[in-house]
Amino acid sequence: MKLAKTVLIVVILFLSVGSFTVYGQDKYGSEPDKCKTNLSLFHEAVKMANYDAAYEPWKWCVENCPQASKIIYSDGLKMAEAKYDAAAAAIPVKKGEKIETNDYIVKVGKKYYDKSKLNKEEMSKYAIEVILVYNLRVKNFPENLGKVYSDWANFLFKRAVLEDLILKEEIFDKLSLSFKADPTGMSVKNLGKYFQTVTDIEKDVNPQLVFDTYDDINEAVGMKMDKYSRELDVINAKLDKGGELTKKEKSQKRAREVNLRALGQVEGYLDNTLTEVATCDRLIPLYKDNFEKNKNNATWLKRAVSRLNQKECTDNPIYPSMVEAYVNAAPSSDAFVFYAGILMEQGESNKAIEYFNKAIDLEPDNYKKAKYYYRVALIFKKKGSRSKAREYARLAIKERPSMGSAYLLISNLYASSANTCGTDEISKRMVYVAAADKAKQAKAADPGITSTANKYIKSYMASAPSKKLVFTEGLTSGATHKVGCWINESARIP
């Protein structure tokens, strides 16, 4: 009976707010002074976690001035979720403390819950309040909805785990709304969840949708990573010049590095998920079937050409045709670099360099220039010209010091030269040390590729000289060893 009464009150409240309009009146409603006073009262109470004191002035604002401030909804969610967590027997955890999970103690997000002490009736009541507040937030402040729907999906996921509910469709619906509104507002985990679900549903019936979703997410992640990298580059440039970071800058540096590492994991997860779908056997027929109707669609062409290039499906005659169509549809720096690659493959090196230089001249943005230099480095790598590939990778790093992928490319070039750049076991194995050093530089320059760089380092150091070999050869650990051949760099004996 108590639960039914609560639900009825919530529905009445929602309907009454739904009919509220602010046309012709102040956003603070018909009693602006009282609205401002109540906003302050409940906000201060929420800051002190005094939700009982906050509830009445908050409810008054919801009913009388729902468009006065977004804090009505941010604080409303804090209150409702705190009450939900209390009913769900959330376990207080001190910072740094670790809790052992088992059949009863579960972790959802960053919180732990004791499932043996759940009050499901209360949980259901406060879940309805949470959902109401989300609905009102979307209705009255339809902005930043990528994050809003992403957070909403997180709450539904928590409910599903704690209350043993099947909410897959509801969660996916909120993730879809989040993605459509603004994928950059989605959490790292939710981007992964959304893509995995789309892939599972559509990979056999509509692979194009999977690829489009991948591209949309990748672009969103790339935008975030570029933003954080630019900010980090500014901070690191100050350090390189011997400057002291302020407390705020130190905090920003840590935050950007953490965010880049998390986003880097998303890129790796997306690529792993897509690997089974994006094979040349799938891509070539798909693009052949869709090429004619998309040969003037610059966005489709750019994505298709990029994917074929990335997956090394460039031997099929459809690839140069698509690149030429891309150049005609969007004669841009990006298109010219792809076209330069085609010319290089056809042996027209001078013409290829001409188009590549044209691309660089047209591009004012250093980060984009770096990407183009990197793409040319990949072309030379494919042609087996390691020294040239390194040259362009270094140009990429010059334009963008935090471009970890360029360091990793050089690392890979070194490792692939171990047999040709070494004359005996120790010199061959030291090539792997030089390769690992480049991977370490990549990790230091770009936290976004930490996970990938660590795999490189582990793999290459497994082939580094062993303690026994160093001892047998009469060498000293820590001494400098010159790696010859085209690499021509020094590395320290491990």
Protein backbone atom coordinates (compact mmCIF):
# COMPACT_ATOMS: atom_id res chain seq x y z
CA MET A 1 0.00 0.00 0.00
CA LYS A 2 2.85 2.37 0.94
CA LEU A 3 4.62 1.66 -2.37
CA ALA A 4 1.43 2.17 -4.40
CA LYS A 5 0.84 5.51 -2.68
CA THR A 6 4.37 6.64 -3.45
CA VAL A 7 4.03 5.67 -7.12
CA LEU A 8 0.74 7.57 -7.35
CA ILE A 9 2.32 10.72 -5.85
CA VAL A 10 5.24 10.47 -8.29
CA VAL A 11 2.91 10.08 -11.29
CA ILE A 12 0.77 13.03 -10.20
CA LEU A 13 3.93 15.09 -9.71
CA PHE A 14 5.19 14.15 -13.16
CA LEU A 15 1.86 15.01 -14.82
CA SER A 16 1.63 18.35 -13.02
CA VAL A 17 5.16 19.29 -14.07
CA GLY A 18 4.47 18.09 -17.60
CA SER A 19 1.75 20.72 -17.97
CA PHE A 20 3.96 23.55 -16.66
CA THR A 21 5.06 26.19 -19.19
CA VAL A 22 7.28 29.22 -18.79
CA TYR A 23 6.13 31.14 -21.83
CA GLY A 24 5.71 34.79 -20.92
CA GLN A 25 7.19 34.43 -17.44
CA ASP A 26 10.54 34.29 -15.72
CA LYS A 27 12.36 30.97 -15.52
CA TYR A 28 11.99 31.26 -11.74
CA GLY A 29 8.22 30.98 -12.08
CA SER A 30 5.46 33.11 -10.61
CA GLU A 31 7.28 33.42 -7.25
CA PRO A 32 10.89 34.04 -8.26
CA ASP A 33 12.14 35.08 -4.80
CA LYS A 34 10.72 31.95 -3.18
CA CYS A 35 12.15 29.83 -5.99
CA LYS A 36 15.65 31.28 -5.50
CA THR A 37 15.42 30.83 -1.73
CA ASN A 38 14.31 27.20 -2.04
CA LEU A 39 17.03 26.49 -4.63
CA SER A 40 19.63 27.68 -2.13
CA LEU A 41 18.00 25.81 0.78
CA PHE A 42 17.90 22.39 -0.84
CA HIS A 43 21.28 22.77 -2.55
CA GLU A 44 23.06 23.55 0.72
CA ALA A 45 21.24 20.67 2.44
CA VAL A 46 22.24 18.24 -0.33
CA LYS A 47 25.88 19.34 -0.01
CA MET A 48 25.66 18.31 3.66
CA ALA A 49 23.89 15.04 2.66
CA ASN A 50 20.87 16.18 4.72
CA TYR A 51 18.32 14.83 2.26
CA ASP A 52 15.35 15.02 4.62
CA ALA A 53 15.83 18.78 4.98
CA ALA A 54 16.40 19.14 1.24
CA TYR A 55 13.30 17.27 0.07
CA GLU A 56 10.48 19.81 0.64
CA PRO A 57 12.21 22.89 -0.88
CA TRP A 58 13.41 20.67 -3.74
CA LYS A 59 9.87 19.35 -4.36
CA TRP A 60 8.52 22.92 -4.33
CA CYS A 61 11.03 23.92 -7.05
CA VAL A 62 10.15 20.90 -9.17
CA GLU A 63 6.46 21.83 -9.02
CA ASN A 64 6.80 25.62 -9.35
CA CYS A 65 9.99 26.51 -11.22
CA PRO A 66 11.29 23.35 -12.95
CA GLN A 67 13.40 25.31 -15.45
CA ALA A 68 15.12 27.50 -12.90
CA SER A 69 18.34 25.50 -12.65
CA LYS A 70 19.90 22.16 -13.60
CA ILE A 71 20.84 21.64 -9.94
CA ILE A 72 17.18 20.71 -9.36
CA TYR A 73 17.92 17.54 -11.30
CA SER A 74 21.56 16.91 -10.39
CA ASP A 75 20.70 17.27 -6.70
CA GLY A 76 17.45 15.36 -7.18
CA LEU A 77 19.42 12.44 -8.61
CA LYS A 78 21.91 12.59 -5.73
CA MET A 79 19.07 12.36 -3.23
CA ALA A 80 17.12 9.62 -4.98
CA GLU A 81 20.21 7.49 -5.75
CA ALA A 82 21.51 7.90 -2.19
CA LYS A 83 18.18 6.62 -0.86
CA TYR A 84 18.26 3.79 -3.38
CA ASP A 85 21.80 2.86 -2.31
CA ALA A 86 20.78 2.90 1.34
CA ALA A 87 17.91 0.51 0.60
CA ALA A 88 20.33 -1.62 -1.46
CA ALA A 89 22.67 -1.93 1.53
CA ALA A 90 25.60 -0.07 -0.02
CA ILE A 91 28.78 -0.77 1.95
CA PRO A 92 30.74 2.31 3.11
CA VAL A 93 34.25 2.10 1.65
CA LYS A 94 37.16 4.35 2.58
CA LYS A 95 39.39 5.70 -0.18
CA GLY A 96 41.92 3.07 -1.20
CA GLU A 97 40.12 0.29 0.68
CA LYS A 98 39.45 -2.98 -1.14
CA ILE A 99 36.46 -5.20 -0.44
CA GLU A 100 36.42 -8.90 -1.26
CA THR A 101 33.44 -9.82 -3.44
CA ASN A 102 31.51 -13.10 -3.20
CA ASP A 103 28.00 -14.43 -3.88
CA TYR A 104 26.52 -11.73 -1.63
CA ILE A 105 28.98 -8.84 -1.78
CA VAL A 106 28.88 -7.41 -5.32
CA LYS A 107 30.53 -4.43 -6.94
CA VAL A 108 28.56 -2.24 -9.33
CA GLY A 109 30.42 0.76 -10.71
CA LYS A 110 32.61 2.04 -7.89
CA LYS A 111 30.34 0.88 -5.06
CA TYR A 112 29.90 -2.37 -3.14
CA TYR A 113 26.54 -3.80 -2.03
CA ASP A 114 25.46 -6.54 0.36
CA LYS A 115 22.78 -8.52 -1.50
CA SER A 116 21.82 -10.39 1.66
CA LYS A 117 20.42 -7.15 3.15
CA LEU A 118 18.45 -5.67 0.24
CA ASN A 119 15.15 -3.89 0.93
CA LYS A 120 13.62 -4.45 -2.51
CA GLU A 121 10.38 -2.62 -1.76
CA GLU A 122 12.25 0.54 -0.82
CA MET A 123 14.65 0.08 -3.73
CA SER A 124 11.78 -0.09 -6.18
CA LYS A 125 10.24 3.06 -4.71
CA TYR A 126 13.41 5.10 -5.01
CA ALA A 127 14.20 3.67 -8.46
CA ILE A 128 10.92 5.22 -9.65
CA GLU A 129 12.06 8.56 -8.20
CA VAL A 130 15.41 8.30 -9.99
CA ILE A 131 13.70 7.60 -13.31
CA LEU A 132 11.26 10.47 -12.75
CA VAL A 133 14.10 12.92 -12.16
CA TYR A 134 15.88 11.72 -15.32
CA ASN A 135 12.67 12.25 -17.32
CA LEU A 136 12.25 15.75 -15.90
CA ARG A 137 15.89 16.58 -16.59
CA VAL A 138 15.50 15.58 -20.25
CA LYS A 139 12.22 17.49 -20.52
CA ASN A 140 13.35 20.74 -18.94
CA PHE A 141 17.03 20.80 -19.90
CA PRO A 142 17.43 18.87 -23.17
CA GLU A 143 21.19 19.44 -23.37
CA ASN A 144 24.30 17.37 -22.69
CA LEU A 145 22.04 14.36 -23.25
CA GLY A 146 24.89 12.07 -24.26
CA LYS A 147 26.08 12.05 -20.65
CA VAL A 148 22.57 12.14 -19.16
CA TYR A 149 21.40 9.02 -21.00
CA SER A 150 24.73 7.31 -20.37
CA ASP A 151 24.35 7.89 -16.62
CA TRP A 152 20.74 6.72 -16.83
CA ALA A 153 21.91 3.48 -18.47
CA ASN A 154 24.39 3.03 -15.59
CA PHE A 155 21.57 3.26 -13.06
CA LEU A 156 19.47 0.73 -14.97
CA PHE A 157 22.46 -1.62 -15.09
CA LYS A 158 22.84 -1.28 -11.32
CA ARG A 159 19.15 -2.09 -10.86
CA ALA A 160 19.44 -5.14 -13.11
CA VAL A 161 22.34 -6.53 -11.06
CA LEU A 162 20.99 -5.76 -7.59
CA GLU A 163 17.31 -6.53 -8.14
CA ASP A 164 17.88 -9.47 -10.50
CA LEU A 165 15.89 -7.76 -13.25
CA ILE A 166 16.15 -8.28 -17.02
CA LEU A 167 16.62 -4.75 -18.35
CA LYS A 168 18.76 -5.38 -21.45
CA GLU A 169 16.34 -3.64 -23.80
CA GLU A 170 15.91 -0.63 -21.50
CA ILE A 171 19.68 -0.29 -21.03
CA PHE A 172 20.34 -0.55 -24.76
CA ASP A 173 17.59 1.99 -25.43
CA LYS A 174 19.30 4.54 -23.15
CA LEU A 175 22.71 3.78 -24.65
CA SER A 176 21.23 4.28 -28.13
CA LEU A 177 19.72 7.63 -27.10
CA SER A 178 23.05 8.62 -25.55
CA PHE A 179 24.94 7.66 -28.69
CA LYS A 180 22.54 9.52 -30.98
CA ALA A 181 22.61 12.63 -28.78
CA ASP A 182 26.38 12.85 -28.32
CA PRO A 183 28.75 9.86 -28.19
CA THR A 184 31.47 12.07 -26.67
CA GLY A 185 29.31 12.31 -23.55
CA MET A 186 29.22 8.54 -23.04
CA SER A 187 31.40 6.86 -20.46
CA VAL A 188 34.24 4.66 -21.68
CA LYS A 189 32.51 1.46 -20.54
CA ASN A 190 29.20 2.43 -22.10
CA LEU A 191 30.81 3.09 -25.48
CA GLY A 192 32.18 -0.45 -25.31
CA LYS A 193 28.85 -1.94 -24.17
CA TYR A 194 26.95 -0.14 -26.92
CA PHE A 195 29.30 -1.25 -29.69
CA GLN A 196 29.39 -4.84 -28.45
CA THR A 197 25.57 -4.99 -28.44
CA VAL A 198 25.29 -3.48 -31.94
CA THR A 199 27.93 -5.92 -33.20
CA ASP A 200 26.18 -8.95 -31.65
CA ILE A 201 22.81 -7.96 -33.15
CA GLU A 202 23.86 -6.71 -36.59
CA LYS A 203 27.13 -8.39 -37.62
CA ASP A 204 25.41 -11.01 -39.81
CA VAL A 205 22.39 -9.04 -41.00
CA ASN A 206 23.74 -5.50 -41.38
CA PRO A 207 27.55 -5.32 -41.16
CA GLN A 208 27.49 -1.82 -42.65
CA LEU A 209 25.70 -0.59 -39.52
CA VAL A 210 28.44 -2.18 -37.40
CA PHE A 211 31.11 -0.36 -39.43
CA ASP A 212 29.21 2.94 -39.28
CA THR A 213 28.81 2.60 -35.52
CA TYR A 214 32.51 1.80 -35.17
CA ASP A 215 33.43 4.89 -37.19
CA ASP A 216 31.09 7.13 -35.18
CA ILE A 217 32.50 5.86 -31.88
CA ASN A 218 36.07 6.05 -33.14
CA GLU A 219 35.55 9.63 -34.25
CA ALA A 220 34.03 10.50 -30.86
CA VAL A 221 36.91 8.82 -29.01
CA GLY A 222 39.43 10.45 -31.35
CA MET A 223 37.95 13.90 -30.69
CA LYS A 224 38.21 13.33 -26.95
CA MET A 225 41.76 12.00 -27.21
CA ASP A 226 42.88 14.89 -29.41
CA LYS A 227 41.41 17.38 -26.95
CA TYR A 228 43.16 15.78 -23.96
CA SER A 229 46.41 15.34 -25.91
CA ARG A 230 46.50 18.99 -26.94
CA GLU A 231 45.97 20.06 -23.33
CA LEU A 232 48.63 17.62 -22.14
CA ASP A 233 51.09 18.81 -24.78
CA VAL A 234 50.78 22.38 -23.48
CA ILE A 235 51.48 21.24 -19.92
CA ASN A 236 54.39 19.01 -20.98
CA ALA A 237 55.88 21.82 -23.08
CA LYS A 238 56.00 23.95 -19.95
CA LEU A 239 57.83 21.16 -18.12
CA ASP A 240 60.28 20.68 -21.02
CA LYS A 241 61.22 24.36 -20.76
CA GLY A 242 62.00 23.90 -17.05
CA GLY A 243 58.80 25.50 -15.79
CA GLU A 244 57.07 24.60 -12.54
CA LEU A 245 53.50 23.33 -12.71
CA THR A 246 50.86 24.91 -10.52
CA LYS A 247 48.73 22.72 -8.29
CA LYS A 248 45.89 23.07 -10.80
CA GLU A 249 48.15 22.09 -13.72
CA LYS A 250 49.42 19.01 -11.86
CA SER A 251 45.84 17.95 -11.25
CA GLN A 252 44.95 18.58 -14.90
CA LYS A 253 47.98 16.56 -16.04
CA ARG A 254 46.95 13.55 -13.92
CA ALA A 255 43.34 13.80 -15.09
CA ARG A 256 44.30 14.01 -18.79
CA GLU A 257 46.65 11.02 -18.46
CA VAL A 258 43.97 8.92 -16.73
CA ASN A 259 41.38 9.85 -19.37
CA LEU A 260 43.76 9.09 -22.23
CA ARG A 261 44.60 5.67 -20.79
CA ALA A 262 40.90 4.85 -20.45
CA LEU A 263 40.09 6.04 -23.98
CA GLY A 264 43.03 4.09 -25.34
CA GLN A 265 41.49 0.95 -23.87
CA VAL A 266 38.24 1.72 -25.72
CA GLU A 267 40.11 1.94 -29.04
CA GLY A 268 41.71 -1.44 -28.37
CA TYR A 269 38.38 -2.97 -27.33
CA LEU A 270 36.63 -1.64 -30.43
CA ASP A 271 39.33 -3.00 -32.71
CA ASN A 272 39.24 -6.42 -31.03
CA THR A 273 35.44 -6.55 -31.29
CA LEU A 274 35.50 -5.53 -34.94
CA THR A 275 38.26 -7.94 -35.96
CA GLU A 276 35.85 -10.84 -36.50
CA VAL A 277 33.54 -8.68 -38.65
CA ALA A 278 35.94 -6.46 -40.60
CA THR A 279 37.75 -9.04 -42.71
CA CYS A 280 38.71 -8.43 -46.33
CA ASP A 281 36.31 -11.22 -47.34
CA ARG A 282 33.43 -9.24 -45.82
CA LEU A 283 34.59 -5.72 -46.68
CA ILE A 284 35.37 -6.09 -50.40
CA PRO A 285 31.94 -7.52 -51.47
CA LEU A 286 30.14 -5.03 -49.20
CA TYR A 287 31.94 -2.02 -50.68
CA LYS A 288 31.61 -3.33 -54.25
CA ASP A 289 27.85 -3.60 -53.78
CA ASN A 290 27.55 -0.10 -52.31
CA PHE A 291 30.20 1.79 -54.28
CA GLU A 292 28.06 2.93 -57.21
CA LYS A 293 25.39 4.58 -55.05
CA ASN A 294 28.01 6.16 -52.75
CA LYS A 295 30.66 7.30 -55.24
CA ASN A 296 29.79 10.96 -54.52
CA ASN A 297 29.32 10.46 -50.77
CA ALA A 298 32.54 11.88 -49.29
CA THR A 299 31.86 10.59 -45.76
CA TRP A 300 31.12 7.04 -46.93
CA LEU A 301 34.17 7.05 -49.22
CA LYS A 302 36.49 8.36 -46.53
CA ARG A 303 35.39 5.70 -44.06
CA ALA A 304 35.48 2.88 -46.60
CA VAL A 305 38.92 3.83 -47.94
CA SER A 306 40.27 4.24 -44.40
CA ARG A 307 38.98 0.82 -43.36
CA LEU A 308 40.34 -0.98 -46.43
CA ASN A 309 43.68 0.73 -45.86
CA GLN A 310 43.72 -0.10 -42.16
CA LYS A 311 42.84 -3.76 -42.74
CA GLU A 312 45.36 -4.00 -45.62
CA CYS A 313 42.66 -4.89 -48.16
CA THR A 314 44.21 -2.60 -50.80
CA ASP A 315 45.17 -5.20 -53.42
CA ASN A 316 41.65 -5.45 -54.84
CA PRO A 317 40.95 -3.16 -57.87
CA ILE A 318 38.00 -1.61 -56.00
CA TYR A 319 40.40 0.21 -53.66
CA PRO A 320 42.07 2.60 -56.17
CA SER A 321 38.65 3.24 -57.73
CA MET A 322 37.29 4.27 -54.35
CA VAL A 323 40.31 6.47 -53.62
CA GLU A 324 39.91 8.29 -56.94
CA ALA A 325 36.20 8.77 -56.21
CA TYR A 326 37.12 10.16 -52.79
CA VAL A 327 39.56 12.64 -54.35
CA ASN A 328 36.84 13.80 -56.79
CA ALA A 329 34.12 13.98 -54.12
CA ALA A 330 36.28 15.79 -51.55
CA PRO A 331 39.60 17.11 -52.89
CA SER A 332 41.08 17.51 -49.43
CA SER A 333 44.34 16.86 -47.59
CA ASP A 334 42.99 13.55 -46.35
CA ALA A 335 42.01 12.40 -49.84
CA PHE A 336 45.33 13.50 -51.36
CA VAL A 337 47.31 11.41 -48.86
CA PHE A 338 45.34 8.28 -49.81
CA TYR A 339 45.84 9.11 -53.50
CA ALA A 340 49.58 9.54 -52.91
CA GLY A 341 49.58 6.00 -51.50
CA ILE A 342 47.95 4.66 -54.68
CA LEU A 343 50.51 6.47 -56.84
CA MET A 344 53.32 5.08 -54.71
CA GLU A 345 51.97 1.55 -55.21
CA GLN A 346 51.88 2.16 -58.98
CA GLY A 347 55.53 3.22 -58.96
CA GLU A 348 54.81 6.91 -59.59
CA SER A 349 56.90 8.11 -56.65
CA ASN A 350 57.46 11.69 -57.85
CA LYS A 351 53.77 12.26 -58.46
CA ALA A 352 52.98 10.64 -55.12
CA ILE A 353 55.29 13.05 -53.27
CA GLU A 354 53.69 15.94 -55.20
CA TYR A 355 50.23 14.99 -53.89
CA PHE A 356 51.55 14.36 -50.43
CA ASN A 357 53.19 17.82 -50.30
CA LYS A 358 49.93 19.30 -51.58
CA ALA A 359 48.12 17.65 -48.67
CA ILE A 360 50.60 19.02 -46.12
CA ASP A 361 50.48 22.54 -47.62
CA LEU A 362 46.69 22.59 -47.43
CA GLU A 363 46.60 21.53 -43.79
CA PRO A 364 47.09 24.25 -41.11
CA ASP A 365 46.49 21.95 -38.13
CA ASN A 366 49.63 20.29 -36.69
CA TYR A 367 47.73 17.29 -35.33
CA LYS A 368 46.25 16.52 -38.75
CA LYS A 369 49.63 16.99 -40.39
CA ALA A 370 51.01 14.44 -37.96
CA LYS A 371 48.34 11.95 -39.02
CA TYR A 372 49.25 12.44 -42.67
CA TYR A 373 52.98 11.97 -42.01
CA TYR A 374 52.09 8.84 -40.05
CA ARG A 375 50.01 7.48 -42.91
CA VAL A 376 52.91 7.99 -45.32
CA ALA A 377 55.17 6.22 -42.83
CA LEU A 378 52.80 3.25 -43.01
CA ILE A 379 52.99 3.31 -46.81
CA PHE A 380 56.79 3.13 -46.71
CA LYS A 381 56.63 0.40 -44.08
CA LYS A 382 54.40 -1.67 -46.36
CA LYS A 383 56.87 -1.13 -49.22
CA GLY A 384 59.67 -2.41 -46.99
CA SER A 385 61.46 0.93 -46.77
CA ARG A 386 62.08 1.00 -43.02
CA SER A 387 64.40 3.98 -42.95
CA LYS A 388 61.93 6.12 -44.93
CA ALA A 389 59.08 4.94 -42.72
CA ARG A 390 61.01 6.08 -39.64
CA GLU A 391 61.78 9.42 -41.28
CA TYR A 392 58.07 10.17 -41.73
CA ALA A 393 57.18 8.80 -38.30
CA ARG A 394 59.69 11.27 -36.83
CA LEU A 395 58.08 14.09 -38.83
CA ALA A 396 54.75 13.07 -37.32
CA ILE A 397 56.24 13.22 -33.82
CA LYS A 398 57.71 16.66 -34.59
CA GLU A 399 54.22 17.95 -35.43
CA ARG A 400 52.61 16.15 -32.50
CA PRO A 401 55.04 15.21 -29.69
CA SER A 402 52.41 13.06 -27.97
CA MET A 403 51.78 10.81 -30.99
CA GLY A 404 52.47 7.47 -29.35
CA SER A 405 51.43 5.49 -32.42
CA ALA A 406 54.38 6.97 -34.36
CA TYR A 407 56.79 5.84 -31.64
CA LEU A 408 55.22 2.38 -31.74
CA LEU A 409 55.63 2.26 -35.51
CA ILE A 410 59.37 2.95 -35.11
CA SER A 411 59.46 0.33 -32.34
CA ASN A 412 57.94 -2.23 -34.70
CA LEU A 413 60.32 -1.28 -37.51
CA TYR A 414 63.27 -1.89 -35.20
CA ALA A 415 61.99 -5.25 -33.95
CA SER A 416 61.41 -6.46 -37.52
CA SER A 417 65.06 -5.65 -38.30
CA ALA A 418 66.62 -7.83 -35.59
CA ASN A 419 67.94 -10.48 -37.95
CA THR A 420 69.28 -8.05 -40.55
CA CYS A 421 70.76 -5.50 -38.13
CA GLY A 422 72.60 -7.99 -35.94
CA THR A 423 75.69 -10.04 -36.71
CA ASP A 424 75.63 -12.26 -33.62
CA GLU A 425 73.20 -13.22 -30.86
CA ILE A 426 73.95 -10.28 -28.57
CA SER A 427 73.69 -7.65 -31.32
CA LYS A 428 70.46 -9.17 -32.64
CA ARG A 429 68.92 -9.25 -29.19
CA MET A 430 69.96 -5.65 -28.48
CA VAL A 431 67.83 -4.59 -31.44
CA TYR A 432 64.83 -5.75 -29.39
CA VAL A 433 66.00 -3.58 -26.49
CA ALA A 434 66.08 -0.57 -28.84
CA ALA A 435 62.57 -1.51 -29.98
CA ALA A 436 61.37 -1.76 -26.38
CA ASP A 437 62.91 1.66 -25.64
CA LYS A 438 60.78 3.21 -28.40
CA ALA A 439 57.68 1.54 -26.96
CA LYS A 440 58.56 3.03 -23.57
CA GLN A 441 58.86 6.45 -25.21
CA ALA A 442 55.44 5.91 -26.77
CA LYS A 443 53.93 5.15 -23.38
CA ALA A 444 55.58 8.19 -21.79
CA ALA A 445 54.44 10.51 -24.58
CA ASP A 446 50.91 9.19 -24.95
CA PRO A 447 49.07 7.62 -21.98
CA GLY A 448 46.30 6.65 -24.40
CA ILE A 449 48.37 3.76 -25.75
CA THR A 450 49.70 2.50 -22.42
CA SER A 451 48.03 -0.89 -22.77
CA THR A 452 49.34 -1.51 -26.31
CA ALA A 453 52.80 -0.18 -25.46
CA ASN A 454 53.03 -2.52 -22.48
CA LYS A 455 52.36 -5.49 -24.77
CA TYR A 456 55.13 -4.34 -27.11
CA ILE A 457 57.58 -3.87 -24.23
CA LYS A 458 56.80 -7.28 -22.74
CA SER A 459 57.13 -9.00 -26.11
CA TYR A 460 60.40 -7.31 -27.09
CA MET A 461 62.06 -7.63 -23.70
CA ALA A 462 61.33 -11.36 -23.81
CA SER A 463 63.83 -11.45 -26.70
CA ALA A 464 66.35 -9.14 -24.99
CA PRO A 465 69.75 -10.53 -23.87
CA SER A 466 69.42 -12.77 -20.82
CA LYS A 467 71.57 -12.36 -17.68
CA LYS A 468 73.46 -15.48 -18.70
CA LEU A 469 74.21 -14.14 -22.18
CA VAL A 470 75.34 -10.76 -20.84
CA PHE A 471 77.66 -12.55 -18.38
CA THR A 472 78.95 -15.01 -21.01
CA GLU A 473 79.78 -12.19 -23.42
CA GLY A 474 81.66 -10.34 -20.67
CA LEU A 475 79.37 -7.30 -20.92
CA THR A 476 78.20 -4.97 -18.15
CA SER A 477 74.55 -4.43 -17.31
CA GLY A 478 73.65 -0.78 -17.87
CA ALA A 479 76.49 -0.18 -20.32
CA THR A 480 75.73 1.48 -23.66
CA HIS A 481 75.57 -0.72 -26.75
CA LYS A 482 75.54 0.69 -30.27
CA VAL A 483 72.81 -0.80 -32.46
CA GLY A 484 74.12 -0.54 -36.01
CA CYS A 485 72.64 -0.95 -39.47
CA TRP A 486 70.04 1.64 -40.53
CA ILE A 487 68.86 1.99 -36.91
CA ASN A 488 72.15 3.56 -35.73
CA GLU A 489 71.05 4.20 -32.14
CA SER A 490 72.38 3.30 -28.71
CA ALA A 491 70.58 1.17 -26.13
CA ARG A 492 71.54 0.17 -22.59
CA ILE A 493 72.32 -3.49 -21.92
CA PRO A 494 69.62 -4.81 -19.56
